[in-house]
Amino acid sequence: MPKSRLRKKSDYTPPTTAAVVKISSGRSWVAPLMLAMFLIGLVWIVTYYVTSGTWPVESWRNWNILVGFGFIAAGFGVSTQWK
């Protein structure tokens, strides 16, 4: 029985034309706004607890906690726009 010819495999050569993909969604404002909302909410709640309720708005009493969590929730809402 005759032997089959051996195939010589060529070395791998990467493609010569590299496609450069620039991802720019135009939403560069999302990350800074999201972090700002998180920090404002955190600072609001911490300030309320550290000052024993006299700051940021004394007349709101425990509603200050809800306002702080509202800022944090708004930060999560903004984060849905991040790509």
C-alpha atoms as a PDB file:
ATOM      1  CA  MET A   1       0.000   0.000   0.000  1.00  0.00           C
ATOM      2  CA  PRO A   2       1.472   3.396  -0.902  1.00  0.00           C
ATOM      3  CA  LYS A   3       2.150   5.952   1.811  1.00  0.00           C
ATOM      4  CA  SER A   4       0.135   9.126   1.801  1.00  0.00           C
ATOM      5  CA  ARG A   5       1.892  12.417   1.379  1.00  0.00           C
ATOM      6  CA  LEU A   6       2.489  14.425   4.504  1.00  0.00           C
ATOM      7  CA  ARG A   7       0.957  17.865   4.435  1.00  0.00           C
ATOM      8  CA  LYS A   8       3.141  20.645   5.598  1.00  0.00           C
ATOM      9  CA  LYS A   9       1.201  23.050   7.779  1.00  0.00           C
ATOM     10  CA  SER A  10       2.086  26.676   7.360  1.00  0.00           C
ATOM     11  CA  ASP A  11       2.873  28.805  10.388  1.00  0.00           C
ATOM     12  CA  TYR A  12       0.158  31.043  11.705  1.00  0.00           C
ATOM     13  CA  THR A  13       0.324  34.573  10.409  1.00  0.00           C
ATOM     14  CA  PRO A  14      -1.933  37.143  11.998  1.00  0.00           C
ATOM     15  CA  PRO A  15      -4.155  39.185   9.738  1.00  0.00           C
ATOM     16  CA  THR A  16      -2.418  42.199   8.258  1.00  0.00           C
ATOM     17  CA  THR A  17      -5.349  44.598   8.443  1.00  0.00           C
ATOM     18  CA  ALA A  18      -6.279  45.152  12.049  1.00  0.00           C
ATOM     19  CA  ALA A  19      -9.646  46.742  12.543  1.00  0.00           C
ATOM     20  CA  VAL A  20      -9.481  49.376  15.244  1.00  0.00           C
ATOM     21  CA  VAL A  21     -12.801  49.716  16.983  1.00  0.00           C
ATOM     22  CA  LYS A  22     -13.298  52.856  19.009  1.00  0.00           C
ATOM     23  CA  ILE A  23     -16.128  52.482  21.464  1.00  0.00           C
ATOM     24  CA  SER A  24     -17.533  55.874  22.218  1.00  0.00           C
ATOM     25  CA  SER A  25     -21.087  55.868  23.383  1.00  0.00           C
ATOM     26  CA  GLY A  26     -21.177  59.580  24.212  1.00  0.00           C
ATOM     27  CA  ARG A  27     -22.203  58.873  27.765  1.00  0.00           C
ATOM     28  CA  SER A  28     -19.161  60.056  29.622  1.00  0.00           C
ATOM     29  CA  TRP A  29     -21.391  61.898  32.088  1.00  0.00           C
ATOM     30  CA  VAL A  30     -22.930  58.727  33.524  1.00  0.00           C
ATOM     31  CA  ALA A  31     -20.100  57.457  35.739  1.00  0.00           C
ATOM     32  CA  PRO A  32     -19.309  60.813  37.398  1.00  0.00           C
ATOM     33  CA  LEU A  33     -23.002  61.542  38.015  1.00  0.00           C
ATOM     34  CA  MET A  34     -23.577  58.056  39.417  1.00  0.00           C
ATOM     35  CA  LEU A  35     -20.652  58.348  41.822  1.00  0.00           C
ATOM     36  CA  ALA A  36     -21.712  61.863  42.810  1.00  0.00           C
ATOM     37  CA  MET A  37     -25.221  60.656  43.669  1.00  0.00           C
ATOM     38  CA  PHE A  38     -23.822  57.785  45.737  1.00  0.00           C
ATOM     39  CA  LEU A  39     -21.499  60.105  47.628  1.00  0.00           C
ATOM     40  CA  ILE A  40     -24.144  62.785  48.226  1.00  0.00           C
ATOM     41  CA  GLY A  41     -26.509  60.173  49.647  1.00  0.00           C
ATOM     42  CA  LEU A  42     -23.804  58.675  51.838  1.00  0.00           C
ATOM     43  CA  VAL A  43     -22.655  62.066  53.116  1.00  0.00           C
ATOM     44  CA  TRP A  44     -26.261  63.101  53.773  1.00  0.00           C
ATOM     45  CA  ILE A  45     -26.959  60.025  55.925  1.00  0.00           C
ATOM     46  CA  VAL A  46     -23.616  60.159  57.770  1.00  0.00           C
ATOM     47  CA  THR A  47     -24.053  63.884  58.465  1.00  0.00           C
ATOM     48  CA  TYR A  48     -27.519  63.244  59.859  1.00  0.00           C
ATOM     49  CA  TYR A  49     -26.258  60.572  62.226  1.00  0.00           C
ATOM     50  CA  VAL A  50     -23.081  62.370  63.313  1.00  0.00           C
ATOM     51  CA  THR A  51     -24.911  65.624  64.136  1.00  0.00           C
ATOM     52  CA  SER A  52     -27.706  63.779  65.986  1.00  0.00           C
ATOM     53  CA  GLY A  53     -30.343  65.045  63.587  1.00  0.00           C
ATOM     54  CA  THR A  54     -29.549  68.770  63.602  1.00  0.00           C
ATOM     55  CA  TRP A  55     -28.062  68.747  60.099  1.00  0.00           C
ATOM     56  CA  PRO A  56     -28.737  68.686  57.062  1.00  0.00           C
ATOM     57  CA  VAL A  57     -32.406  69.691  57.615  1.00  0.00           C
ATOM     58  CA  GLU A  58     -33.485  69.599  61.250  1.00  0.00           C
ATOM     59  CA  SER A  59     -37.216  69.918  60.628  1.00  0.00           C
ATOM     60  CA  TRP A  60     -37.265  66.814  58.433  1.00  0.00           C
ATOM     61  CA  ARG A  61     -36.125  64.605  61.338  1.00  0.00           C
ATOM     62  CA  ASN A  62     -36.000  60.967  60.154  1.00  0.00           C
ATOM     63  CA  TRP A  63     -36.989  61.900  56.601  1.00  0.00           C
ATOM     64  CA  ASN A  64     -33.341  62.842  56.142  1.00  0.00           C
ATOM     65  CA  ILE A  65     -32.551  59.129  55.970  1.00  0.00           C
ATOM     66  CA  LEU A  66     -35.070  58.725  53.162  1.00  0.00           C
ATOM     67  CA  VAL A  67     -33.548  61.668  51.299  1.00  0.00           C
ATOM     68  CA  GLY A  68     -30.076  60.094  51.593  1.00  0.00           C
ATOM     69  CA  PHE A  69     -31.340  56.763  50.342  1.00  0.00           C
ATOM     70  CA  GLY A  70     -33.191  58.615  47.578  1.00  0.00           C
ATOM     71  CA  PHE A  71     -29.883  60.000  46.326  1.00  0.00           C
ATOM     72  CA  ILE A  72     -28.376  56.520  46.452  1.00  0.00           C
ATOM     73  CA  ALA A  73     -31.369  55.069  44.581  1.00  0.00           C
ATOM     74  CA  ALA A  74     -31.034  57.816  41.966  1.00  0.00           C
ATOM     75  CA  GLY A  75     -27.383  56.783  41.571  1.00  0.00           C
ATOM     76  CA  PHE A  76     -28.487  53.238  40.870  1.00  0.00           C
ATOM     77  CA  GLY A  77     -31.047  54.575  38.396  1.00  0.00           C
ATOM     78  CA  VAL A  78     -28.354  56.516  36.562  1.00  0.00           C
ATOM     79  CA  SER A  79     -26.118  53.437  36.530  1.00  0.00           C
ATOM     80  CA  THR A  80     -28.558  51.687  34.200  1.00  0.00           C
ATOM     81  CA  GLN A  81     -27.463  54.124  31.467  1.00  0.00           C
ATOM     82  CA  TRP A  82     -23.798  53.099  31.761  1.00  0.00           C
ATOM     83  CA  LYS A  83     -22.388  51.098  28.856  1.00  0.00           C
END
